[in-house]
């Protein structure tokens, strides 16, 4: 359990350090992400982005647990 928490913490630190470059990637603007804009209302649901991140994280965790 402690190894997992340390690994998650390190991943958060790495993502935080790389954020200026990661924010330029097209995540959040993929086809399948739901965006509704009205006059006084804006709704955004990153469906495709969440699925892609889930698949990537599942693959990484599977590799680490082998």
Protein backbone atom coordinates (compact mmCIF):
# COMPACT_ATOMS: atom_id res chain seq x y z
CA UNK A 1 0.00 0.00 0.00
CA UNK A 2 2.80 2.45 0.84
CA UNK A 3 4.53 1.80 -2.49
CA UNK A 4 1.33 2.56 -4.33
CA UNK A 5 0.86 5.85 -2.49
CA UNK A 6 4.46 6.85 -3.15
CA UNK A 7 4.09 6.01 -6.85
CA UNK A 8 0.86 8.03 -7.09
CA UNK A 9 2.54 10.96 -5.33
CA UNK A 10 5.51 10.84 -7.69
CA UNK A 11 3.18 10.73 -10.70
CA UNK A 12 1.35 13.81 -9.41
CA UNK A 13 4.66 15.64 -8.95
CA UNK A 14 5.83 14.69 -12.47
CA UNK A 15 2.55 15.81 -14.03
CA UNK A 16 2.75 19.07 -12.07
CA UNK A 17 6.27 19.74 -13.32
CA UNK A 18 5.37 18.88 -16.91
CA UNK A 19 2.05 20.79 -16.88
CA UNK A 20 3.22 23.71 -19.11
CA UNK A 21 3.95 21.23 -21.90
CA UNK A 22 1.08 18.84 -21.18
CA UNK A 23 -1.48 21.64 -21.39
CA UNK A 24 -0.54 22.15 -25.06
CA UNK A 25 -1.61 18.58 -25.96
CA UNK A 26 -5.07 18.22 -27.51
CA UNK A 27 -6.53 16.45 -24.44
CA UNK A 28 -9.89 17.96 -23.61
CA UNK A 29 -10.57 18.83 -27.23
CA UNK A 30 -10.95 15.35 -28.65
CA UNK A 31 -13.87 14.24 -30.83
CA UNK A 32 -16.49 12.81 -28.51
CA UNK A 33 -15.98 15.38 -25.76
CA UNK A 34 -19.33 17.01 -25.08
CA UNK A 35 -19.44 20.81 -25.11
CA UNK A 36 -22.66 22.80 -24.80
CA UNK A 37 -22.49 26.59 -24.94
CA UNK A 38 -25.53 28.77 -24.46
CA UNK A 39 -25.97 32.46 -23.81
CA UNK A 40 -25.46 32.33 -20.03
CA UNK A 41 -24.45 28.70 -19.66
CA UNK A 42 -21.50 26.53 -20.55
CA UNK A 43 -21.25 22.76 -19.99
CA UNK A 44 -18.22 20.62 -20.76
CA UNK A 45 -17.98 16.85 -20.28
CA UNK A 46 -14.67 15.31 -21.53
CA UNK A 47 -16.02 11.83 -22.23
CA UNK A 48 -13.42 10.70 -24.79
CA UNK A 49 -10.57 12.25 -22.82
CA UNK A 50 -11.63 10.40 -19.64
CA UNK A 51 -11.85 7.09 -21.51
CA UNK A 52 -8.41 7.60 -23.06
CA UNK A 53 -6.82 8.51 -19.71
CA UNK A 54 -8.49 5.53 -18.06
CA UNK A 55 -7.10 3.15 -20.69
CA UNK A 56 -3.61 4.62 -20.37
CA UNK A 57 -3.63 4.45 -16.56
CA UNK A 58 -4.97 0.89 -16.62
CA UNK A 59 -2.18 -0.16 -18.99
CA UNK A 60 0.47 1.53 -16.82
CA UNK A 61 -0.84 -0.06 -13.63
CA UNK A 62 -1.00 -3.44 -15.33
CA UNK A 63 2.64 -3.08 -16.39
CA UNK A 64 3.76 -2.05 -12.89
CA UNK A 65 1.93 -4.97 -11.23
CA UNK A 66 3.47 -7.65 -13.47
